[in-house]
Amino acid sequence: MTGFLATESCAPDVAGLAEEALWLELALTPKPGLVDRLNNGSHRDMDHAMFARSIIAIAPWFPRFTELGYEHADKPAEQQLRLIRPMGIACEQAMYAATGGVNTHKGGIFALGLLCFAAGRVSYPNARRLCTEVSRLCQGLVARELASGSGLATAGERQYQQFGLTGARGEAESGFATVRQVLACWQGGTLHELLLHLLAVNQDTNLVARGGMEGLRYVQGYARQLLAQGWDRQALSEMDQALIARNLSPGGSADLLSVGWVLAGCG
């Protein structure tokens, strides 16, 4: 990656920010319904140590995504997903090898991998340029993979057909519109505050998969209430227990928390 570093040495280190974001997200405690340093949230098949192994396994791939983007920066955006997908699958395989087949970071690999790849393609990877480039890379993704009616009846297709939810694909195609909206409200507060803002508005398909639209609305309403009335560590711990009791885990919002950290770090 010598050529890339030589030409963009003053640019934000998006790959480094991506790894940092995963470690910060894991350390954030308490984290309602999610794995943190105190408990496993609503998960029975994963814990803090497994997440740490997963991050160690996938972090070396982030600069590779950036280098791949740099190497193919001259190619049209609509051709790029075919280039990035094999590397994304390889990164996922590294994750599964580290976790014994458990999906700890598939959503994070998708979102952060796209940001790192986009960083290799743009002249200076600030937040606006990164989001615009990711949107270009993913143009038509929802229509191709969710709205086409392939008959595969995947969870994503079912949620799109039943509720119009586009999940991680739609968020990427929009250039992370939800994250950008929330960052405008966050203005450099704590990561807990950023997470609550995301929980309040994100159409988290992980929540819908576990609790239907009722589960999604419950978490959104809870987060909005805390933001409106004020919150502290005890309030977050109570929210954590409430989500665990309902088997709700906002994994999509956790992924967007990492995206938010990267974008905030790029200015």
C-alpha atoms as a PDB file:
ATOM      1  CA  MET A   1       0.000   0.000   0.000  1.00  0.00           C
ATOM      2  CA  THR A   2       3.039   2.236  -0.369  1.00  0.00           C
ATOM      3  CA  GLY A   3       1.693   4.209  -3.328  1.00  0.00           C
ATOM      4  CA  PHE A   4      -1.550   5.005  -1.577  1.00  0.00           C
ATOM      5  CA  LEU A   5       0.176   6.148   1.605  1.00  0.00           C
ATOM      6  CA  ALA A   6       2.633   8.268  -0.330  1.00  0.00           C
ATOM      7  CA  THR A   7      -0.109  10.175  -2.157  1.00  0.00           C
ATOM      8  CA  GLU A   8      -2.653  10.431   0.672  1.00  0.00           C
ATOM      9  CA  SER A   9      -0.440  10.581   3.763  1.00  0.00           C
ATOM     10  CA  CYS A  10      -2.333  13.576   5.178  1.00  0.00           C
ATOM     11  CA  ALA A  11      -5.774  12.031   4.655  1.00  0.00           C
ATOM     12  CA  PRO A  12      -7.797  10.505   7.499  1.00  0.00           C
ATOM     13  CA  ASP A  13      -6.896   6.889   8.220  1.00  0.00           C
ATOM     14  CA  VAL A  14     -10.303   5.384   7.527  1.00  0.00           C
ATOM     15  CA  ALA A  15      -9.098   1.813   8.021  1.00  0.00           C
ATOM     16  CA  GLY A  16      -7.625   2.755  11.392  1.00  0.00           C
ATOM     17  CA  LEU A  17     -10.823   4.557  12.374  1.00  0.00           C
ATOM     18  CA  ALA A  18     -12.844   1.473  11.384  1.00  0.00           C
ATOM     19  CA  GLU A  19     -10.846  -0.770  13.708  1.00  0.00           C
ATOM     20  CA  GLU A  20     -10.988   1.820  16.490  1.00  0.00           C
ATOM     21  CA  ALA A  21     -14.758   2.065  16.052  1.00  0.00           C
ATOM     22  CA  LEU A  22     -15.217  -1.672  16.594  1.00  0.00           C
ATOM     23  CA  TRP A  23     -13.152  -1.654  19.777  1.00  0.00           C
ATOM     24  CA  LEU A  24     -15.004   1.393  21.125  1.00  0.00           C
ATOM     25  CA  GLU A  25     -18.378  -0.148  20.319  1.00  0.00           C
ATOM     26  CA  LEU A  26     -17.397  -3.345  22.123  1.00  0.00           C
ATOM     27  CA  ALA A  27     -16.126  -1.439  25.183  1.00  0.00           C
ATOM     28  CA  LEU A  28     -19.232   0.735  25.473  1.00  0.00           C
ATOM     29  CA  THR A  29     -21.036  -0.396  28.648  1.00  0.00           C
ATOM     30  CA  PRO A  30     -23.899  -0.719  29.404  1.00  0.00           C
ATOM     31  CA  LYS A  31     -25.186  -1.283  25.860  1.00  0.00           C
ATOM     32  CA  PRO A  32     -28.894  -2.177  25.755  1.00  0.00           C
ATOM     33  CA  GLY A  33     -29.503  -5.684  24.413  1.00  0.00           C
ATOM     34  CA  LEU A  34     -25.959  -5.985  23.104  1.00  0.00           C
ATOM     35  CA  VAL A  35     -22.751  -7.687  24.204  1.00  0.00           C
ATOM     36  CA  ASP A  36     -20.673  -5.474  26.490  1.00  0.00           C
ATOM     37  CA  ARG A  37     -18.264  -5.825  29.404  1.00  0.00           C
ATOM     38  CA  LEU A  38     -21.071  -6.659  31.853  1.00  0.00           C
ATOM     39  CA  ASN A  39     -23.164  -9.231  30.022  1.00  0.00           C
ATOM     40  CA  ASN A  40     -23.996 -10.854  26.674  1.00  0.00           C
ATOM     41  CA  GLY A  41     -27.146  -8.831  26.100  1.00  0.00           C
ATOM     42  CA  SER A  42     -29.845 -10.820  24.321  1.00  0.00           C
ATOM     43  CA  HIS A  43     -27.288 -13.271  22.917  1.00  0.00           C
ATOM     44  CA  ARG A  44     -26.649 -16.801  24.087  1.00  0.00           C
ATOM     45  CA  ASP A  45     -24.074 -17.728  21.453  1.00  0.00           C
ATOM     46  CA  MET A  46     -21.537 -14.905  21.857  1.00  0.00           C
ATOM     47  CA  ASP A  47     -19.692 -12.939  24.506  1.00  0.00           C
ATOM     48  CA  HIS A  48     -17.140 -10.149  24.961  1.00  0.00           C
ATOM     49  CA  ALA A  49     -14.127 -12.421  24.405  1.00  0.00           C
ATOM     50  CA  MET A  50     -15.591 -13.740  21.151  1.00  0.00           C
ATOM     51  CA  PHE A  51     -16.159 -10.200  19.878  1.00  0.00           C
ATOM     52  CA  ALA A  52     -12.559  -9.340  20.693  1.00  0.00           C
ATOM     53  CA  ARG A  53     -11.316 -12.364  18.721  1.00  0.00           C
ATOM     54  CA  SER A  54     -13.540 -11.335  15.847  1.00  0.00           C
ATOM     55  CA  ILE A  55     -12.157  -7.784  15.742  1.00  0.00           C
ATOM     56  CA  ILE A  56      -8.585  -9.074  15.790  1.00  0.00           C
ATOM     57  CA  ALA A  57      -9.423 -11.348  12.850  1.00  0.00           C
ATOM     58  CA  ILE A  58     -11.168  -8.798  10.636  1.00  0.00           C
ATOM     59  CA  ALA A  59      -9.245  -5.574  11.357  1.00  0.00           C
ATOM     60  CA  PRO A  60      -6.303  -6.470   9.047  1.00  0.00           C
ATOM     61  CA  TRP A  61      -8.759  -6.549   6.155  1.00  0.00           C
ATOM     62  CA  PHE A  62      -9.742  -2.894   6.441  1.00  0.00           C
ATOM     63  CA  PRO A  63      -6.533  -1.504   4.864  1.00  0.00           C
ATOM     64  CA  ARG A  64      -6.878  -4.188   2.185  1.00  0.00           C
ATOM     65  CA  PHE A  65     -10.312  -2.823   1.292  1.00  0.00           C
ATOM     66  CA  THR A  66      -8.757   0.644   1.014  1.00  0.00           C
ATOM     67  CA  GLU A  67      -5.937  -0.602  -1.177  1.00  0.00           C
ATOM     68  CA  LEU A  68      -8.400  -2.429  -3.428  1.00  0.00           C
ATOM     69  CA  GLY A  69     -10.381   0.774  -3.846  1.00  0.00           C
ATOM     70  CA  TYR A  70      -7.217   2.681  -4.712  1.00  0.00           C
ATOM     71  CA  GLU A  71      -6.137   0.081  -7.267  1.00  0.00           C
ATOM     72  CA  HIS A  72      -9.483   0.255  -9.059  1.00  0.00           C
ATOM     73  CA  ALA A  73     -10.283   3.934  -8.567  1.00  0.00           C
ATOM     74  CA  ASP A  74     -10.350   4.477 -12.335  1.00  0.00           C
ATOM     75  CA  LYS A  75     -13.170   1.977 -12.871  1.00  0.00           C
ATOM     76  CA  PRO A  76     -16.839   3.072 -12.906  1.00  0.00           C
ATOM     77  CA  ALA A  77     -18.656   2.868  -9.582  1.00  0.00           C
ATOM     78  CA  GLU A  78     -21.246   0.428 -10.903  1.00  0.00           C
ATOM     79  CA  GLN A  79     -18.516  -2.175 -11.454  1.00  0.00           C
ATOM     80  CA  GLN A  80     -17.080  -2.008  -7.969  1.00  0.00           C
ATOM     81  CA  LEU A  81     -19.300  -4.321  -5.921  1.00  0.00           C
ATOM     82  CA  ARG A  82     -18.173  -7.253  -8.059  1.00  0.00           C
ATOM     83  CA  LEU A  83     -14.608  -6.393  -7.063  1.00  0.00           C
ATOM     84  CA  ILE A  84     -15.219  -5.882  -3.364  1.00  0.00           C
ATOM     85  CA  ARG A  85     -17.492  -8.862  -2.693  1.00  0.00           C
ATOM     86  CA  PRO A  86     -14.823 -11.602  -2.846  1.00  0.00           C
ATOM     87  CA  MET A  87     -12.746  -9.676  -0.308  1.00  0.00           C
ATOM     88  CA  GLY A  88     -15.804  -9.163   1.857  1.00  0.00           C
ATOM     89  CA  ILE A  89     -16.504 -12.889   1.826  1.00  0.00           C
ATOM     90  CA  ALA A  90     -12.884 -13.628   2.731  1.00  0.00           C
ATOM     91  CA  CYS A  91     -13.121 -11.195   5.637  1.00  0.00           C
ATOM     92  CA  GLU A  92     -16.318 -12.886   6.812  1.00  0.00           C
ATOM     93  CA  GLN A  93     -14.580 -16.264   6.649  1.00  0.00           C
ATOM     94  CA  ALA A  94     -11.811 -14.895   8.885  1.00  0.00           C
ATOM     95  CA  MET A  95     -14.499 -13.781  11.322  1.00  0.00           C
ATOM     96  CA  TYR A  96     -16.214 -17.167  11.321  1.00  0.00           C
ATOM     97  CA  ALA A  97     -12.898 -18.933  11.836  1.00  0.00           C
ATOM     98  CA  ALA A  98     -12.255 -16.791  14.912  1.00  0.00           C
ATOM     99  CA  THR A  99     -15.759 -17.218  16.361  1.00  0.00           C
ATOM    100  CA  GLY A 100     -16.476 -20.858  15.577  1.00  0.00           C
ATOM    101  CA  GLY A 101     -19.077 -19.954  12.978  1.00  0.00           C
ATOM    102  CA  VAL A 102     -20.905 -17.220  14.917  1.00  0.00           C
ATOM    103  CA  ASN A 103     -21.872 -14.012  13.106  1.00  0.00           C
ATOM    104  CA  THR A 104     -20.460 -11.245  15.293  1.00  0.00           C
ATOM    105  CA  HIS A 105     -19.613  -8.545  12.730  1.00  0.00           C
ATOM    106  CA  LYS A 106     -21.110  -9.356   9.329  1.00  0.00           C
ATOM    107  CA  GLY A 107     -22.979  -6.051   9.238  1.00  0.00           C
ATOM    108  CA  GLY A 108     -19.898  -4.166  10.365  1.00  0.00           C
ATOM    109  CA  ILE A 109     -17.779  -5.808   7.686  1.00  0.00           C
ATOM    110  CA  PHE A 110     -20.286  -4.719   5.042  1.00  0.00           C
ATOM    111  CA  ALA A 111     -20.564  -1.095   6.158  1.00  0.00           C
ATOM    112  CA  LEU A 112     -16.977  -0.478   7.238  1.00  0.00           C
ATOM    113  CA  GLY A 113     -15.580  -2.419   4.289  1.00  0.00           C
ATOM    114  CA  LEU A 114     -17.506  -0.135   1.944  1.00  0.00           C
ATOM    115  CA  LEU A 115     -16.206   2.966   3.727  1.00  0.00           C
ATOM    116  CA  CYS A 116     -12.616   1.724   3.555  1.00  0.00           C
ATOM    117  CA  PHE A 117     -12.995   0.811  -0.115  1.00  0.00           C
ATOM    118  CA  ALA A 118     -14.502   4.224  -0.841  1.00  0.00           C
ATOM    119  CA  ALA A 119     -11.589   5.875   0.974  1.00  0.00           C
ATOM    120  CA  GLY A 120      -9.225   4.369  -1.580  1.00  0.00           C
ATOM    121  CA  ARG A 121     -11.244   5.832  -4.454  1.00  0.00           C
ATOM    122  CA  VAL A 122     -11.677   9.459  -3.400  1.00  0.00           C
ATOM    123  CA  SER A 123      -9.048  12.189  -3.424  1.00  0.00           C
ATOM    124  CA  TYR A 124      -9.589  13.151   0.215  1.00  0.00           C
ATOM    125  CA  PRO A 125     -11.874  10.927   2.302  1.00  0.00           C
ATOM    126  CA  ASN A 126     -13.935  13.377   4.322  1.00  0.00           C
ATOM    127  CA  ALA A 127     -17.365  12.257   5.542  1.00  0.00           C
ATOM    128  CA  ARG A 128     -19.323  13.832   2.695  1.00  0.00           C
ATOM    129  CA  ARG A 129     -17.153  12.336  -0.029  1.00  0.00           C
ATOM    130  CA  LEU A 130     -17.130   8.919   1.607  1.00  0.00           C
ATOM    131  CA  CYS A 131     -20.915   8.812   1.897  1.00  0.00           C
ATOM    132  CA  THR A 132     -21.393  10.020  -1.665  1.00  0.00           C
ATOM    133  CA  GLU A 133     -18.998   7.385  -2.958  1.00  0.00           C
ATOM    134  CA  VAL A 134     -20.616   4.566  -0.974  1.00  0.00           C
ATOM    135  CA  SER A 135     -23.993   5.637  -2.355  1.00  0.00           C
ATOM    136  CA  ARG A 136     -22.606   5.498  -5.895  1.00  0.00           C
ATOM    137  CA  LEU A 137     -21.075   2.080  -5.299  1.00  0.00           C
ATOM    138  CA  CYS A 138     -24.392   0.718  -4.018  1.00  0.00           C
ATOM    139  CA  GLN A 139     -26.709   2.394  -6.519  1.00  0.00           C
ATOM    140  CA  GLY A 140     -29.573  -0.003  -7.328  1.00  0.00           C
ATOM    141  CA  LEU A 141     -28.592  -2.507  -4.634  1.00  0.00           C
ATOM    142  CA  VAL A 142     -32.004  -2.561  -2.950  1.00  0.00           C
ATOM    143  CA  ALA A 143     -33.816  -3.007  -6.253  1.00  0.00           C
ATOM    144  CA  ARG A 144     -31.521  -5.840  -7.328  1.00  0.00           C
ATOM    145  CA  GLU A 145     -31.378  -7.768  -4.080  1.00  0.00           C
ATOM    146  CA  LEU A 146     -34.570  -6.974  -2.174  1.00  0.00           C
ATOM    147  CA  ALA A 147     -37.208  -5.745  -4.603  1.00  0.00           C
ATOM    148  CA  SER A 148     -36.526  -8.157  -7.441  1.00  0.00           C
ATOM    149  CA  GLY A 149     -38.583 -11.002  -5.946  1.00  0.00           C
ATOM    150  CA  SER A 150     -35.921 -13.627  -6.480  1.00  0.00           C
ATOM    151  CA  GLY A 151     -37.980 -16.211  -4.646  1.00  0.00           C
ATOM    152  CA  LEU A 152     -35.210 -16.976  -2.176  1.00  0.00           C
ATOM    153  CA  ALA A 153     -37.390 -15.687   0.685  1.00  0.00           C
ATOM    154  CA  THR A 154     -34.426 -14.358   2.645  1.00  0.00           C
ATOM    155  CA  ALA A 155     -35.073 -12.461   5.864  1.00  0.00           C
ATOM    156  CA  GLY A 156     -34.148  -9.231   4.104  1.00  0.00           C
ATOM    157  CA  GLU A 157     -36.587  -9.866   1.269  1.00  0.00           C
ATOM    158  CA  ARG A 158     -39.403 -10.737   3.653  1.00  0.00           C
ATOM    159  CA  GLN A 159     -38.886  -7.572   5.689  1.00  0.00           C
ATOM    160  CA  TYR A 160     -38.780  -5.489   2.530  1.00  0.00           C
ATOM    161  CA  GLN A 161     -41.957  -7.064   1.150  1.00  0.00           C
ATOM    162  CA  GLN A 162     -43.866  -6.897   4.442  1.00  0.00           C
ATOM    163  CA  PHE A 163     -42.688  -3.610   5.908  1.00  0.00           C
ATOM    164  CA  GLY A 164     -40.666  -1.802   3.244  1.00  0.00           C
ATOM    165  CA  LEU A 165     -37.491  -2.079   5.323  1.00  0.00           C
ATOM    166  CA  THR A 166     -34.258  -1.944   3.355  1.00  0.00           C
ATOM    167  CA  GLY A 167     -31.787  -2.709   6.155  1.00  0.00           C
ATOM    168  CA  ALA A 168     -28.043  -2.445   5.693  1.00  0.00           C
ATOM    169  CA  ARG A 169     -28.353  -2.337   1.897  1.00  0.00           C
ATOM    170  CA  GLY A 170     -30.674   0.644   1.957  1.00  0.00           C
ATOM    171  CA  GLU A 171     -28.546   2.480   4.491  1.00  0.00           C
ATOM    172  CA  ALA A 172     -25.459   2.013   2.309  1.00  0.00           C
ATOM    173  CA  GLU A 173     -27.297   2.993  -0.870  1.00  0.00           C
ATOM    174  CA  SER A 174     -28.507   6.170   0.837  1.00  0.00           C
ATOM    175  CA  GLY A 175     -24.936   7.076   1.748  1.00  0.00           C
ATOM    176  CA  PHE A 176     -25.642   6.304   5.417  1.00  0.00           C
ATOM    177  CA  ALA A 177     -28.437   8.874   5.594  1.00  0.00           C
ATOM    178  CA  THR A 178     -29.562   7.773   9.058  1.00  0.00           C
ATOM    179  CA  VAL A 179     -26.060   8.166  10.461  1.00  0.00           C
ATOM    180  CA  ARG A 180     -25.630  11.590   8.887  1.00  0.00           C
ATOM    181  CA  GLN A 181     -28.971  12.704  10.312  1.00  0.00           C
ATOM    182  CA  VAL A 182     -28.000  11.543  13.786  1.00  0.00           C
ATOM    183  CA  LEU A 183     -24.500  13.034  13.677  1.00  0.00           C
ATOM    184  CA  ALA A 184     -26.061  16.433  13.054  1.00  0.00           C
ATOM    185  CA  CYS A 185     -27.920  16.049  16.382  1.00  0.00           C
ATOM    186  CA  TRP A 186     -25.056  14.429  18.272  1.00  0.00           C
ATOM    187  CA  GLN A 187     -22.457  17.202  17.857  1.00  0.00           C
ATOM    188  CA  GLY A 188     -19.637  15.369  19.605  1.00  0.00           C
ATOM    189  CA  GLY A 189     -21.385  14.088  22.715  1.00  0.00           C
ATOM    190  CA  THR A 190     -20.774  10.711  24.320  1.00  0.00           C
ATOM    191  CA  LEU A 191     -20.994   7.430  22.431  1.00  0.00           C
ATOM    192  CA  HIS A 192     -23.919   6.442  24.637  1.00  0.00           C
ATOM    193  CA  GLU A 193     -25.744   9.546  23.445  1.00  0.00           C
ATOM    194  CA  LEU A 194     -24.912   8.719  19.826  1.00  0.00           C
ATOM    195  CA  LEU A 195     -26.238   5.192  20.317  1.00  0.00           C
ATOM    196  CA  LEU A 196     -29.477   6.461  21.846  1.00  0.00           C
ATOM    197  CA  HIS A 197     -30.023   8.838  18.913  1.00  0.00           C
ATOM    198  CA  LEU A 198     -29.508   5.917  16.524  1.00  0.00           C
ATOM    199  CA  LEU A 199     -31.864   3.667  18.485  1.00  0.00           C
ATOM    200  CA  ALA A 200     -34.499   6.395  18.372  1.00  0.00           C
ATOM    201  CA  VAL A 201     -34.666   6.597  14.574  1.00  0.00           C
ATOM    202  CA  ASN A 202     -32.975   3.597  12.970  1.00  0.00           C
ATOM    203  CA  GLN A 203     -35.263   1.077  11.255  1.00  0.00           C
ATOM    204  CA  ASP A 204     -33.200  -1.727  12.770  1.00  0.00           C
ATOM    205  CA  THR A 205     -33.991  -4.976  10.954  1.00  0.00           C
ATOM    206  CA  ASN A 206     -32.311  -6.985  13.716  1.00  0.00           C
ATOM    207  CA  LEU A 207     -35.003  -5.785  16.096  1.00  0.00           C
ATOM    208  CA  VAL A 208     -37.732  -6.620  13.602  1.00  0.00           C
ATOM    209  CA  ALA A 209     -36.310 -10.112  13.105  1.00  0.00           C
ATOM    210  CA  ARG A 210     -36.496 -10.751  16.861  1.00  0.00           C
ATOM    211  CA  GLY A 211     -39.570  -8.798  17.907  1.00  0.00           C
ATOM    212  CA  GLY A 212     -41.439  -7.701  14.807  1.00  0.00           C
ATOM    213  CA  MET A 213     -42.419  -4.099  14.219  1.00  0.00           C
ATOM    214  CA  GLU A 214     -43.683  -3.992  17.802  1.00  0.00           C
ATOM    215  CA  GLY A 215     -40.163  -4.709  19.045  1.00  0.00           C
ATOM    216  CA  LEU A 216     -38.721  -1.996  16.808  1.00  0.00           C
ATOM    217  CA  ARG A 217     -41.246   0.576  17.986  1.00  0.00           C
ATOM    218  CA  TYR A 218     -40.626  -0.384  21.615  1.00  0.00           C
ATOM    219  CA  VAL A 219     -36.887   0.287  21.371  1.00  0.00           C
ATOM    220  CA  GLN A 220     -37.338   3.490  19.375  1.00  0.00           C
ATOM    221  CA  GLY A 221     -39.859   4.796  21.905  1.00  0.00           C
ATOM    222  CA  TYR A 222     -37.675   3.847  24.862  1.00  0.00           C
ATOM    223  CA  ALA A 223     -34.669   5.640  23.384  1.00  0.00           C
ATOM    224  CA  ARG A 224     -36.698   8.748  22.557  1.00  0.00           C
ATOM    225  CA  GLN A 225     -38.021   8.849  26.096  1.00  0.00           C
ATOM    226  CA  LEU A 226     -34.527   8.716  27.580  1.00  0.00           C
ATOM    227  CA  LEU A 227     -33.314  11.446  25.250  1.00  0.00           C
ATOM    228  CA  ALA A 228     -36.268  13.649  26.146  1.00  0.00           C
ATOM    229  CA  GLN A 229     -36.275  13.071  29.909  1.00  0.00           C
ATOM    230  CA  GLY A 230     -32.574  12.621  30.565  1.00  0.00           C
ATOM    231  CA  TRP A 231     -30.600   9.480  31.255  1.00  0.00           C
ATOM    232  CA  ASP A 232     -27.699   8.122  33.235  1.00  0.00           C
ATOM    233  CA  ARG A 233     -25.854   4.819  33.572  1.00  0.00           C
ATOM    234  CA  GLN A 234     -28.621   3.356  35.726  1.00  0.00           C
ATOM    235  CA  ALA A 235     -31.241   4.230  33.117  1.00  0.00           C
ATOM    236  CA  LEU A 236     -29.164   2.524  30.420  1.00  0.00           C
ATOM    237  CA  SER A 237     -28.776  -0.563  32.629  1.00  0.00           C
ATOM    238  CA  GLU A 238     -32.544  -0.678  33.083  1.00  0.00           C
ATOM    239  CA  MET A 239     -33.030  -0.395  29.327  1.00  0.00           C
ATOM    240  CA  ASP A 240     -30.511  -3.208  28.885  1.00  0.00           C
ATOM    241  CA  GLN A 241     -32.516  -5.481  31.185  1.00  0.00           C
ATOM    242  CA  ALA A 242     -35.772  -4.525  29.467  1.00  0.00           C
ATOM    243  CA  LEU A 243     -34.399  -5.465  26.052  1.00  0.00           C
ATOM    244  CA  ILE A 244     -32.880  -8.691  27.361  1.00  0.00           C
ATOM    245  CA  ALA A 245     -36.259  -9.663  28.851  1.00  0.00           C
ATOM    246  CA  ARG A 246     -37.812  -9.186  25.405  1.00  0.00           C
ATOM    247  CA  ASN A 247     -34.912 -10.889  23.559  1.00  0.00           C
ATOM    248  CA  LEU A 248     -34.259  -7.718  21.560  1.00  0.00           C
ATOM    249  CA  SER A 249     -30.827  -6.850  20.202  1.00  0.00           C
ATOM    250  CA  PRO A 250     -30.308  -3.695  18.098  1.00  0.00           C
ATOM    251  CA  GLY A 251     -27.349  -5.047  16.149  1.00  0.00           C
ATOM    252  CA  GLY A 252     -28.020  -2.816  13.148  1.00  0.00           C
ATOM    253  CA  SER A 253     -27.711   0.276  15.308  1.00  0.00           C
ATOM    254  CA  ALA A 254     -24.456  -1.059  16.761  1.00  0.00           C
ATOM    255  CA  ASP A 255     -23.089  -1.290  13.221  1.00  0.00           C
ATOM    256  CA  LEU A 256     -24.195   2.275  12.499  1.00  0.00           C
ATOM    257  CA  LEU A 257     -22.532   3.434  15.717  1.00  0.00           C
ATOM    258  CA  SER A 258     -19.227   2.282  14.239  1.00  0.00           C
ATOM    259  CA  VAL A 259     -20.027   4.020  10.960  1.00  0.00           C
ATOM    260  CA  GLY A 260     -20.803   7.186  12.888  1.00  0.00           C
ATOM    261  CA  TRP A 261     -17.448   7.082  14.649  1.00  0.00           C
ATOM    262  CA  VAL A 262     -15.615   6.754  11.324  1.00  0.00           C
ATOM    263  CA  LEU A 263     -17.541   9.607   9.706  1.00  0.00           C
ATOM    264  CA  ALA A 264     -17.090  11.860  12.737  1.00  0.00           C
ATOM    265  CA  GLY A 265     -13.370  11.149  12.607  1.00  0.00           C
ATOM    266  CA  CYS A 266     -13.189  12.160   8.938  1.00  0.00           C
ATOM    267  CA  GLY A 267     -14.806  15.556   9.445  1.00  0.00           C
END
